[in-house]
Amino acid sequence: MEFSLKFWLTGSVVPKPRPRVTSNGTYLPKRYREWRQATEGEILLQMGDRMELPIFEPVSVEVVLQGKHRSTIDLDNA
């Protein structure tokens, strides 16, 4: 049995930057934190009733970037 999920995310991808280290601790830039929070919320909304589905075997993930994006970004960070 094959199991598949698709998620659609709008807007530009914000690559994960290196964490910033200051005397007050470590943090990620505000732009990235806001994008990540919005993206996580969108995925949860799209999951809907599927939140209860268990996944017990390895799955493959395909990322398709559509629209305008920088071709020089480090794709594993995107």
N, C-alpha and C. Protein backbone atom coordinates (compact mmCIF):
# COMPACT_ATOMS: atom_id res chain seq x y z
N MET A 1 0.84 -1.18 0.00
CA MET A 1 0.00 0.00 0.00
C MET A 1 0.88 1.24 0.00
N GLU A 2 0.64 2.12 -0.93
CA GLU A 2 1.43 3.35 -1.03
C GLU A 2 0.68 4.49 -0.35
N PHE A 3 1.40 5.26 0.42
CA PHE A 3 0.82 6.37 1.17
C PHE A 3 1.44 7.66 0.66
N SER A 4 0.63 8.63 0.35
CA SER A 4 1.13 9.87 -0.22
C SER A 4 0.41 11.08 0.38
N LEU A 5 1.16 12.11 0.66
CA LEU A 5 0.60 13.40 1.12
C LEU A 5 1.19 14.49 0.25
N LYS A 6 0.38 15.47 -0.12
CA LYS A 6 0.86 16.64 -0.86
C LYS A 6 0.48 17.89 -0.08
N PHE A 7 1.40 18.83 -0.02
CA PHE A 7 1.15 20.10 0.62
C PHE A 7 1.51 21.21 -0.36
N TRP A 8 0.69 22.25 -0.39
CA TRP A 8 0.94 23.41 -1.24
C TRP A 8 1.24 24.61 -0.34
N LEU A 9 2.41 25.19 -0.56
CA LEU A 9 2.82 26.35 0.22
C LEU A 9 2.97 27.53 -0.73
N THR A 10 2.33 28.62 -0.40
CA THR A 10 2.41 29.80 -1.25
C THR A 10 3.52 30.73 -0.77
N GLY A 11 3.91 31.62 -1.63
CA GLY A 11 4.92 32.60 -1.26
C GLY A 11 6.32 32.12 -1.52
N SER A 12 7.28 32.91 -1.14
CA SER A 12 8.69 32.60 -1.36
C SER A 12 9.24 31.75 -0.22
N VAL A 13 10.12 30.84 -0.58
CA VAL A 13 10.80 30.02 0.42
C VAL A 13 11.87 30.87 1.09
N VAL A 14 11.96 30.79 2.40
CA VAL A 14 13.00 31.49 3.15
C VAL A 14 13.98 30.43 3.65
N PRO A 15 15.18 30.35 3.06
CA PRO A 15 16.15 29.34 3.50
C PRO A 15 16.54 29.54 4.96
N LYS A 16 16.82 28.43 5.63
CA LYS A 16 17.19 28.52 7.04
C LYS A 16 18.61 29.07 7.16
N PRO A 17 18.76 30.21 7.83
CA PRO A 17 20.10 30.79 8.01
C PRO A 17 20.81 30.14 9.20
N ARG A 18 22.07 30.46 9.32
CA ARG A 18 22.80 29.99 10.51
C ARG A 18 22.25 30.72 11.72
N PRO A 19 22.13 30.02 12.84
CA PRO A 19 21.65 30.70 14.05
C PRO A 19 22.62 31.81 14.47
N ARG A 20 22.07 32.87 15.01
CA ARG A 20 22.86 34.00 15.51
C ARG A 20 23.12 33.80 17.00
N VAL A 21 24.35 34.02 17.39
CA VAL A 21 24.73 33.85 18.79
C VAL A 21 25.06 35.22 19.36
N THR A 22 24.36 35.58 20.44
CA THR A 22 24.60 36.86 21.10
C THR A 22 24.80 36.61 22.59
N SER A 23 25.03 37.67 23.31
CA SER A 23 25.18 37.53 24.76
C SER A 23 23.85 37.14 25.42
N ASN A 24 22.73 37.35 24.70
CA ASN A 24 21.40 36.98 25.23
C ASN A 24 20.97 35.58 24.82
N GLY A 25 21.81 34.86 24.08
CA GLY A 25 21.46 33.51 23.65
C GLY A 25 21.53 33.36 22.14
N THR A 26 21.00 32.25 21.66
CA THR A 26 21.01 31.93 20.24
C THR A 26 19.62 32.12 19.67
N TYR A 27 19.54 32.68 18.47
CA TYR A 27 18.23 32.89 17.85
C TYR A 27 18.37 32.84 16.33
N LEU A 28 17.23 32.68 15.66
CA LEU A 28 17.15 32.75 14.21
C LEU A 28 16.51 34.09 13.84
N PRO A 29 16.88 34.65 12.69
CA PRO A 29 16.33 35.95 12.30
C PRO A 29 14.80 35.94 12.23
N LYS A 30 14.21 37.10 12.48
CA LYS A 30 12.76 37.25 12.54
C LYS A 30 12.08 36.83 11.23
N ARG A 31 12.65 37.19 10.11
CA ARG A 31 12.04 36.85 8.80
C ARG A 31 11.87 35.34 8.67
N TYR A 32 12.91 34.58 9.05
CA TYR A 32 12.81 33.13 8.96
C TYR A 32 11.82 32.58 9.97
N ARG A 33 11.84 33.05 11.21
CA ARG A 33 10.91 32.56 12.24
C ARG A 33 9.46 32.78 11.83
N GLU A 34 9.17 33.95 11.26
CA GLU A 34 7.80 34.24 10.82
C GLU A 34 7.39 33.33 9.67
N TRP A 35 8.29 33.11 8.70
CA TRP A 35 7.98 32.23 7.57
C TRP A 35 7.75 30.80 8.06
N ARG A 36 8.60 30.32 8.95
CA ARG A 36 8.47 28.96 9.45
C ARG A 36 7.15 28.77 10.21
N GLN A 37 6.78 29.73 11.04
CA GLN A 37 5.53 29.64 11.79
C GLN A 37 4.33 29.60 10.83
N ALA A 38 4.34 30.46 9.82
CA ALA A 38 3.25 30.49 8.84
C ALA A 38 3.19 29.18 8.06
N THR A 39 4.35 28.64 7.69
CA THR A 39 4.41 27.39 6.92
C THR A 39 3.92 26.22 7.75
N GLU A 40 4.34 26.14 9.01
CA GLU A 40 3.88 25.06 9.88
C GLU A 40 2.36 25.12 10.06
N GLY A 41 1.82 26.33 10.21
CA GLY A 41 0.38 26.50 10.35
C GLY A 41 -0.36 26.05 9.10
N GLU A 42 0.18 26.39 7.93
CA GLU A 42 -0.44 25.99 6.66
C GLU A 42 -0.44 24.47 6.50
N ILE A 43 0.64 23.82 6.87
CA ILE A 43 0.71 22.36 6.78
C ILE A 43 -0.30 21.72 7.73
N LEU A 44 -0.42 22.24 8.94
CA LEU A 44 -1.40 21.69 9.89
C LEU A 44 -2.82 21.85 9.38
N LEU A 45 -3.12 23.01 8.75
CA LEU A 45 -4.45 23.22 8.17
C LEU A 45 -4.72 22.22 7.05
N GLN A 46 -3.73 21.97 6.22
CA GLN A 46 -3.91 21.04 5.12
C GLN A 46 -3.98 19.59 5.59
N MET A 47 -3.39 19.29 6.73
CA MET A 47 -3.44 17.91 7.26
C MET A 47 -4.87 17.55 7.63
N GLY A 48 -5.62 18.49 8.19
CA GLY A 48 -7.01 18.24 8.53
C GLY A 48 -7.19 16.97 9.35
N ASP A 49 -8.03 16.07 8.88
CA ASP A 49 -8.33 14.82 9.59
C ASP A 49 -7.23 13.78 9.48
N ARG A 50 -6.25 14.02 8.65
CA ARG A 50 -5.18 13.03 8.45
C ARG A 50 -4.17 13.01 9.59
N MET A 51 -4.34 13.86 10.60
CA MET A 51 -3.40 13.93 11.73
C MET A 51 -3.28 12.60 12.45
N GLU A 52 -4.30 11.75 12.38
CA GLU A 52 -4.32 10.49 13.11
C GLU A 52 -3.67 9.34 12.35
N LEU A 53 -3.27 9.56 11.10
CA LEU A 53 -2.71 8.47 10.30
C LEU A 53 -1.30 8.14 10.75
N PRO A 54 -1.05 6.89 11.15
CA PRO A 54 0.31 6.51 11.55
C PRO A 54 1.16 6.18 10.31
N ILE A 55 2.42 6.51 10.38
CA ILE A 55 3.36 6.15 9.32
C ILE A 55 4.44 5.29 9.97
N PHE A 56 4.48 4.02 9.56
CA PHE A 56 5.40 3.08 10.18
C PHE A 56 6.57 2.69 9.28
N GLU A 57 6.62 3.18 8.09
CA GLU A 57 7.70 2.81 7.19
C GLU A 57 8.31 4.07 6.59
N PRO A 58 9.53 3.96 6.08
CA PRO A 58 10.18 5.13 5.49
C PRO A 58 9.35 5.69 4.33
N VAL A 59 9.43 6.98 4.16
CA VAL A 59 8.72 7.64 3.07
C VAL A 59 9.71 8.49 2.28
N SER A 60 9.39 8.76 1.05
CA SER A 60 10.22 9.67 0.26
C SER A 60 9.54 11.03 0.22
N VAL A 61 10.36 12.04 0.12
CA VAL A 61 9.85 13.42 0.09
C VAL A 61 10.33 14.07 -1.19
N GLU A 62 9.42 14.71 -1.90
CA GLU A 62 9.77 15.45 -3.11
C GLU A 62 9.40 16.91 -2.90
N VAL A 63 10.35 17.78 -3.14
CA VAL A 63 10.12 19.21 -3.00
C VAL A 63 10.17 19.83 -4.39
N VAL A 64 9.09 20.50 -4.76
CA VAL A 64 9.03 21.17 -6.06
C VAL A 64 8.85 22.66 -5.79
N LEU A 65 9.83 23.44 -6.21
CA LEU A 65 9.76 24.89 -6.04
C LEU A 65 9.18 25.47 -7.32
N GLN A 66 8.02 26.11 -7.20
CA GLN A 66 7.38 26.72 -8.35
C GLN A 66 7.39 28.23 -8.19
N GLY A 67 7.40 28.92 -9.30
CA GLY A 67 7.37 30.37 -9.23
C GLY A 67 8.76 30.95 -9.06
N LYS A 68 8.79 32.18 -8.62
CA LYS A 68 10.04 32.92 -8.50
C LYS A 68 10.79 32.50 -7.24
N HIS A 69 12.01 32.08 -7.39
CA HIS A 69 12.89 31.76 -6.26
C HIS A 69 14.34 31.90 -6.72
N ARG A 70 15.20 32.14 -5.79
CA ARG A 70 16.62 32.28 -6.11
C ARG A 70 17.19 30.92 -6.42
N SER A 71 17.87 30.78 -7.53
CA SER A 71 18.44 29.49 -7.90
C SER A 71 19.74 29.22 -7.14
N THR A 72 20.24 30.19 -6.40
CA THR A 72 21.51 30.01 -5.70
C THR A 72 21.34 29.59 -4.25
N ILE A 73 20.09 29.38 -3.80
CA ILE A 73 19.91 29.00 -2.40
C ILE A 73 20.38 27.57 -2.18
N ASP A 74 20.82 27.28 -1.00
CA ASP A 74 21.24 25.94 -0.61
C ASP A 74 19.97 25.11 -0.42
N LEU A 75 19.69 24.19 -1.34
CA LEU A 75 18.41 23.49 -1.35
C LEU A 75 18.14 22.68 -0.09
N ASP A 76 19.16 22.17 0.59
CA ASP A 76 18.87 21.42 1.83
C ASP A 76 18.41 22.37 2.93
N ASN A 77 18.71 23.65 2.84
CA ASN A 77 18.20 24.62 3.80
C ASN A 77 16.80 25.09 3.43
N ALA A 78 16.45 25.01 2.16
CA ALA A 78 15.12 25.41 1.72
C ALA A 78 14.11 24.37 2.17
